[in-house]
Structure formats: structure tokens, C-alpha cells
C-alpha atoms as a PDB file:
ATOM      1  CA  MET A   1      92.222  73.331  91.866  1.00  0.00           C
ATOM      2  CA  GLU A   2      91.493  70.542  89.444  1.00  0.00           C
ATOM      3  CA  THR A   3      91.385  73.016  86.559  1.00  0.00           C
ATOM      4  CA  ALA A   4      94.795  74.416  87.506  1.00  0.00           C
ATOM      5  CA  ALA A   5      96.232  70.893  87.528  1.00  0.00           C
ATOM      6  CA  ARG A   6      94.798  70.194  84.079  1.00  0.00           C
ATOM      7  CA  VAL A   7      96.220  73.438  82.721  1.00  0.00           C
ATOM      8  CA  ALA A   8      99.667  72.694  84.205  1.00  0.00           C
ATOM      9  CA  LEU A   9      99.702  69.250  82.616  1.00  0.00           C
ATOM     10  CA  ARG A  10      98.855  70.729  79.179  1.00  0.00           C
ATOM     11  CA  VAL A  11     101.832  73.111  79.017  1.00  0.00           C
ATOM     12  CA  PRO A  12     104.046  71.540  76.329  1.00  0.00           C
ATOM     13  CA  VAL A  13     107.439  70.777  77.896  1.00  0.00           C
ATOM     14  CA  PHE A  14     106.687  71.426  81.569  1.00  0.00           C
ATOM     15  CA  GLY A  15     103.529  69.315  81.360  1.00  0.00           C
ATOM     16  CA  TRP A  16     105.426  66.363  79.921  1.00  0.00           C
ATOM     17  CA  PHE A  17     107.953  66.499  82.743  1.00  0.00           C
ATOM     18  CA  LEU A  18     105.227  66.936  85.353  1.00  0.00           C
ATOM     19  CA  LYS A  19     103.107  64.109  83.948  1.00  0.00           C
ATOM     20  CA  ASP A  20     106.150  61.838  83.965  1.00  0.00           C
ATOM     21  CA  ALA A  21     106.919  62.808  87.579  1.00  0.00           C
ATOM     22  CA  ILE A  22     103.351  62.041  88.684  1.00  0.00           C
ATOM     23  CA  TYR A  23     102.539  58.943  86.642  1.00  0.00           C
ATOM     24  CA  GLY A  24     105.963  57.728  85.506  1.00  0.00           C
ATOM     25  CA  ALA A  25     108.730  55.692  87.049  1.00  0.00           C
ATOM     26  CA  PRO A  26     109.454  56.087  90.772  1.00  0.00           C
ATOM     27  CA  ASP A  27     112.755  57.895  90.149  1.00  0.00           C
ATOM     28  CA  ALA A  28     111.165  60.390  87.719  1.00  0.00           C
ATOM     29  CA  LYS A  29     110.312  62.669  90.656  1.00  0.00           C
ATOM     30  CA  TYR A  30     114.003  63.155  91.376  1.00  0.00           C
ATOM     31  CA  TYR A  31     114.758  63.918  87.733  1.00  0.00           C
ATOM     32  CA  PHE A  32     111.930  66.480  87.728  1.00  0.00           C
ATOM     33  CA  ILE A  33     113.394  68.222  90.789  1.00  0.00           C
ATOM     34  CA  ALA A  34     116.851  68.143  89.184  1.00  0.00           C
ATOM     35  CA  ASN A  35     115.407  69.708  86.012  1.00  0.00           C
ATOM     36  CA  LEU A  36     113.816  72.494  88.073  1.00  0.00           C
ATOM     37  CA  VAL A  37     117.131  73.189  89.825  1.00  0.00           C
ATOM     38  CA  VAL A  38     119.003  73.270  86.514  1.00  0.00           C
ATOM     39  CA  CYS A  39     116.415  75.613  84.984  1.00  0.00           C
ATOM     40  CA  PHE A  40     116.665  77.900  88.019  1.00  0.00           C
ATOM     41  CA  ALA A  41     120.474  77.907  87.770  1.00  0.00           C
ATOM     42  CA  ALA A  42     120.285  78.685  84.044  1.00  0.00           C
ATOM     43  CA  LEU A  43     117.937  81.611  84.697  1.00  0.00           C
ATOM     44  CA  VAL A  44     120.298  82.943  87.376  1.00  0.00           C
ATOM     45  CA  TYR A  45     123.202  82.586  84.958  1.00  0.00           C
ATOM     46  CA  PHE A  46     121.430  84.371  82.094  1.00  0.00           C
ATOM     47  CA  PHE A  47     119.571  87.087  84.024  1.00  0.00           C
ATOM     48  CA  GLY A  48     121.768  87.375  87.114  1.00  0.00           C
ATOM     49  CA  TYR A  49     121.054  89.344  90.250  1.00  0.00           C
ATOM     50  CA  PRO A  50     117.799  90.985  89.066  1.00  0.00           C
ATOM     51  CA  PHE A  51     116.278  87.524  88.603  1.00  0.00           C
ATOM     52  CA  LEU A  52     117.155  86.606  92.195  1.00  0.00           C
ATOM     53  CA  ILE A  53     115.599  89.831  93.502  1.00  0.00           C
ATOM     54  CA  ILE A  54     112.368  89.330  91.531  1.00  0.00           C
ATOM     55  CA  TYR A  55     112.231  85.665  92.584  1.00  0.00           C
ATOM     56  CA  ALA A  56     112.673  86.589  96.269  1.00  0.00           C
ATOM     57  CA  LEU A  57     110.019  89.324  96.105  1.00  0.00           C
ATOM     58  CA  THR A  58     107.569  87.004  94.376  1.00  0.00           C
ATOM     59  CA  ALA A  59     108.204  84.219  96.894  1.00  0.00           C
ATOM     60  CA  THR A  60     107.656  86.687  99.742  1.00  0.00           C
ATOM     61  CA  ALA A  61     104.339  87.832  98.280  1.00  0.00           C
ATOM     62  CA  VAL A  62     103.170  84.251  97.737  1.00  0.00           C
ATOM     63  CA  ALA A  63     104.123  83.292 101.298  1.00  0.00           C
ATOM     64  CA  LEU A  64     102.339  86.316 102.759  1.00  0.00           C
ATOM     65  CA  VAL A  65      99.158  85.690 100.766  1.00  0.00           C
ATOM     66  CA  SER A  66      99.158  81.999 101.712  1.00  0.00           C
ATOM     67  CA  LEU A  67      99.537  82.906 105.397  1.00  0.00           C
ATOM     68  CA  ILE A  68      96.621  85.320 105.117  1.00  0.00           C
ATOM     69  CA  ILE A  69      94.477  82.701 103.399  1.00  0.00           C
ATOM     70  CA  LEU A  70      95.331  80.050 105.991  1.00  0.00           C
ATOM     71  CA  THR A  71      94.664  82.264 108.979  1.00  0.00           C
ATOM     72  CA  ALA A  72      91.562  84.001 107.628  1.00  0.00           C
ATOM     73  CA  SER A  73      89.705  80.833 106.677  1.00  0.00           C
ATOM     74  CA  ASP A  74      87.624  80.921 109.871  1.00  0.00           C
ATOM     75  CA  MET A  75      86.713  84.552 109.316  1.00  0.00           C
ATOM     76  CA  LEU A  76      85.578  83.915 105.749  1.00  0.00           C
ATOM     77  CA  ARG A  77      83.558  80.804 106.604  1.00  0.00           C
ATOM     78  CA  LYS A  78      79.873  81.147 105.815  1.00  0.00           C
ATOM     79  CA  GLY A  79      77.206  80.057 108.234  1.00  0.00           C
ATOM     80  CA  GLY A  80      76.638  80.267 111.940  1.00  0.00           C
ATOM     81  CA  ASP A  81      79.185  80.078 114.692  1.00  0.00           C
ATOM     82  CA  ASN A  82      77.981  76.711 115.967  1.00  0.00           C
ATOM     83  CA  GLU A  83      81.387  75.274 116.738  1.00  0.00           C
ATOM     84  CA  ALA A  84      82.659  78.215 118.754  1.00  0.00           C
ATOM     85  CA  ALA A  85      84.080  77.471 122.182  1.00  0.00           C
ATOM     86  CA  PRO A  86      82.135  78.854 125.124  1.00  0.00           C
ATOM     87  CA  LYS A  87      83.411  82.021 126.722  1.00  0.00           C
ATOM     88  CA  PRO A  88      85.571  81.372 129.762  1.00  0.00           C
ATOM     89  CA  VAL A  89      84.050  82.194 133.111  1.00  0.00           C
ATOM     90  CA  GLY A  90      86.045  84.754 135.032  1.00  0.00           C
ATOM     91  CA  ARG A  91      87.050  84.370 138.647  1.00  0.00           C
ATOM     92  CA  PRO A  92      84.898  86.203 141.159  1.00  0.00           C
ATOM     93  CA  THR A  93      86.487  89.359 142.458  1.00  0.00           C
ATOM     94  CA  LYS A  94      87.049  89.926 146.155  1.00  0.00           C
ATOM     95  CA  ARG A  95      85.330  92.989 147.518  1.00  0.00           C
END
């Protein structure tokens, strides 16, 4: 994760804006969000409806993968099952 953050900060224009939002003035975060909204609106204006479709499909895929990663973290954990809850004891049946 640290490598991805370093790479994002080294992208020429985006990195400057991001670095200013993280380490700059307190109101720089709001300007960064406004810049993202303006860039998104410009992309919608230039590319139109196909851009919105591709954006929605990409966001859906990212959300689905993140849900899978979040819910499968216990399954992918290495090591023993030391912290597992004990099995519940069933009620005796009447015969």
C-alpha cells in the first residue's frame, strides 16, 4: 500500500494536487475534491454517455472485488483456527 501511495504522489499533475491536499492548507482538501468533480464533468462532456457506462461498470467491478476481499479475509487467513467460537450445543430431543 505504501508503494501505491508513493506512485500516486509522483504522477505529475495529480500528484501535486494530492500532495497539496494531504500536506497543504486545511482547505486544500475541498479544492482537490472540487478539481475531481470538474475533471469528471469535463470527461462526461467530452466523451458523453459511453464514459458514464464505462465508469459505472468499473465502479461495480471494484465494489464487487472489495466486498469479496473483505468477506473472504477469514478464509484466506493462514494458520490454525484458534479463535473459532465453540460449536453450539443442541437441545436434547424428546423421545
